[in-house]
Amino acid sequence: MKQMMEKKLKPKAHELAQKQKEISVAEFFEKNRHLLGFDSPKKSLMTTVKEAVDNALDACEEAEVLPEISLEIIDMQNNRYRMIIEDNGPGIVKKQIPNIFAKLLYGSKFHALRATRGQQGIGISAAALYGQLTTGRPIKITSKISPDDPAYYYELHINTLTNQPEIIKEEQVEWKKNQGTRIELDMEASYQKGPQSVDEYIKQTAIINSHATIIYTNPKAEQFIFTRVAKEPIKIPKEIKPHPYGIEIGVMIRMLKSTQTKTLQQFLTTEFSRVTVNVAKEICDKAIVANNSKPESLDRSFAEKLIKAIRETKIMAPPTDCVQPIGEELLEKGLKKEVQAEFYTSVSRNASVYRGNPFLIEVGIAYGGELTKEGTCRVLRFANKVPLMYQQSAGAIQKAITDINWRSYGLSQSGGSLPQGPLVILVHMASVWVPFTSESKEAIAHYDEIIKEMKLALQEAGRKLGLYVRKKKRVGEELKKRSYMEKYIPYVATALGELLDLKKDEQTKIEQDLAETLEHVRGEVEDLTFDPSKNEEYDETLAKFGMEDEDGEENRDEE
C-alpha cells in the first residue's frame, strides 16, 4: 500500500516542479503595478509626472546647476495622455540610457546613504513599463552631455520576462540644448483639477524646491511659470557608511561574507561609520571574538554575538552631513511665493537618528491672509523635497500634527483632529533612508524618534504662531474699542463744554484734539497689526493702553 502511494505522489511532484520558474522583477510589477502607485488612471498620471520631475531635479542638483524644467501634458483623447519633460541637467551617457529607462531596480542611489529623492531605483522605468502596458508605445528619450557631444535619441521597451531593455530605435540627432534630457511618454490616464492633481503637485514641488524654475503646461493648455527664489545651487549631501546600530543580523552575515577586508577589526572600522579602532576592539572583546579573525570565516552565531556586542557598546551617532536642510529662510521664501498669507514662520531642527539612520525635520507655517477660514488646516507633506500627495491621513506627519494641542496657540481644534482656520502646515523630512509605508512612497512610517522630532518642530513653530495670533486678537479688540470711542467724541466735547462753560470754538478744539490723539494711537496699533517682528514696539503700545503680554504663560507646551 505504501509503495502504491509513493508511486502516485512522485509523478505529481515532477508535474509541479515543471511549473515552477523564476519571476523577473519587471514581470512581478507588470501584474502588481498598484504597488508602485499605478492603481487608477488619475493616480497613474500623478505617479508618472512625479517620477519624471524627481529625476530631473536630482540630475540638476548632482551637476550643481540651478534646475530649469519644462513639463507639458497633452490630452491625446480617449483617456490617452502624453507627458513631455525637459531639463538642463548633465545628460546621460549613451550606453546607460537603455538601462536607466527600461530596466527596473537599476540606479545609483539604492546603496548610497545620503538624502536624495529616488532611493529605490524603480521610478522612471516603472513609468515606462506602465506606458508600455497601457498604450503599447515605447518611451522616447533624447539626451546630450555637453555642447561638444552629439545628442542621442532612443525608443525603448522593457522585456518583462527578463527585465532587460529592448531598443526599438537608436540614432544621433540634432538638439539645440547644450546639455540635458528630454522624455516623451504616452500612457492611459485621467486628468482632474483638485487637491491631489498634477497641478497641485507641481505647485508644492515649487514651494519646497525654491531653487528651481518650472514651466508647466497642463492638458487644458494653461501654462504656469514657477520662478526660483534661490540664486545658488543647493549643497549636495555627502555619502556615509551605515551605522552599526541600524544593522540586522542578516545584513551583518552578508557584509561579513562580501567584505574585502582581512581582519574583523578592519571590517568594523572600514565598513561602518563612527567605529574607531578602540570601539572595534571593545566590540570584539564583548563578543569574545579575536579582532584578527577573518570576516568570511565567521558564521551566524558569531554574527549574533557581534550584533549583541554592538548594542552594548556606546558608539557616537552617525555624521549628519549626509542630510542637507532646506533652511528656514528658503522654506519661508517658498511658502511666500505660492501661499498668500499674512504670517509666515519656519523651523529647521538639528539632525537626529532612527535605527542608525540620520534624519532631520523642518516645519513651515502660513496663517491668515487669503487662506480660507472655514474647515481644517491644509497640510503639505514632504520627504526629501518630494510632495506626498496621497494617504493624507496616514503616516507619522498626520499623527504628529493631531497629537499637538493647537488650542494653546490660539487656534480651534476638536479632540484628536487637525486644527481649524486659515492655516497651512508644511512638514519636511530629509533622511538617508525615508521609512515609507509602501513601495509607492505615499506616507512615512510611525517611528517614535521621527514623530518626536516632528512634534518638537511643530511646537516651536506653534509658539511663534500663537504669539502672533493672540497679539493680533488683542489689537483687534483694542481697535474695536477705539471705534466706539470715536463715535462718542462729539458728546464728550459737548459735555466738557457745558461743565467748564467753554465757548463753541473751544469745544470744537477739544473735539479735534481728542480725535487727533485717538488717530495717533490707533495708527500705531494698525502699523503693528500684521508685523509680528515689531514685538518691542507692540509691547510699548500695549503699555499705553494699560495691557500686558501674557504669551509666556499661555505658550508653554510639553517640550
Foldseek 3Di string as FASTA:
>chain_A
DVVVVVVVVVVVVVVVVVVDDDFFPLNVCLVVVVQQQPPAQQSLVLLLVQLVVQVQVQQALVQFHQKEKEWEWADPPPQKIKIKMKIQGQWDDDVCVQCLQQAAQDDDQCQFQFFGDDRRRGGNNSSQQQLCVAPVFFKWKWWDRFQVTFIKIWTWYHPRRHRGIDTPDIDTDDDPRGGIMMIMGMHRHDADDDLLGSVVQVLLLCLLSLSHWYWYQYNVRDIDTRHHPDDGRFDAFDTFAFALLLDDLVNLLVQLQPDPDQWQLCSVPPRHPQQDSVNSVQLCVQLVHDRRDRSNVDDSSSSVSSSVSSVVGDGDQGDDSSWDDPDFVSNQVSCVRRPFALDKGKDWDDWDDDSSKIKTKIKMKGAHGPFDFDDFEAEWEEESSGTQRPPVCDALLNQLQQVDDLVLLVFDDDHSHGTGGRMYMYMYMTISDFQAPGNNRRYGHDDPVVSVNSNVRVLVVSLLNSQLNVLLVVLVVVVVVLVVVLVCLLVVLVVVCVVVVHDPVVSVVSSVVVVVVSVVLNVLSVVCNRPSVPVVSSQVSCVVVVHHDPSVVSSDDDD
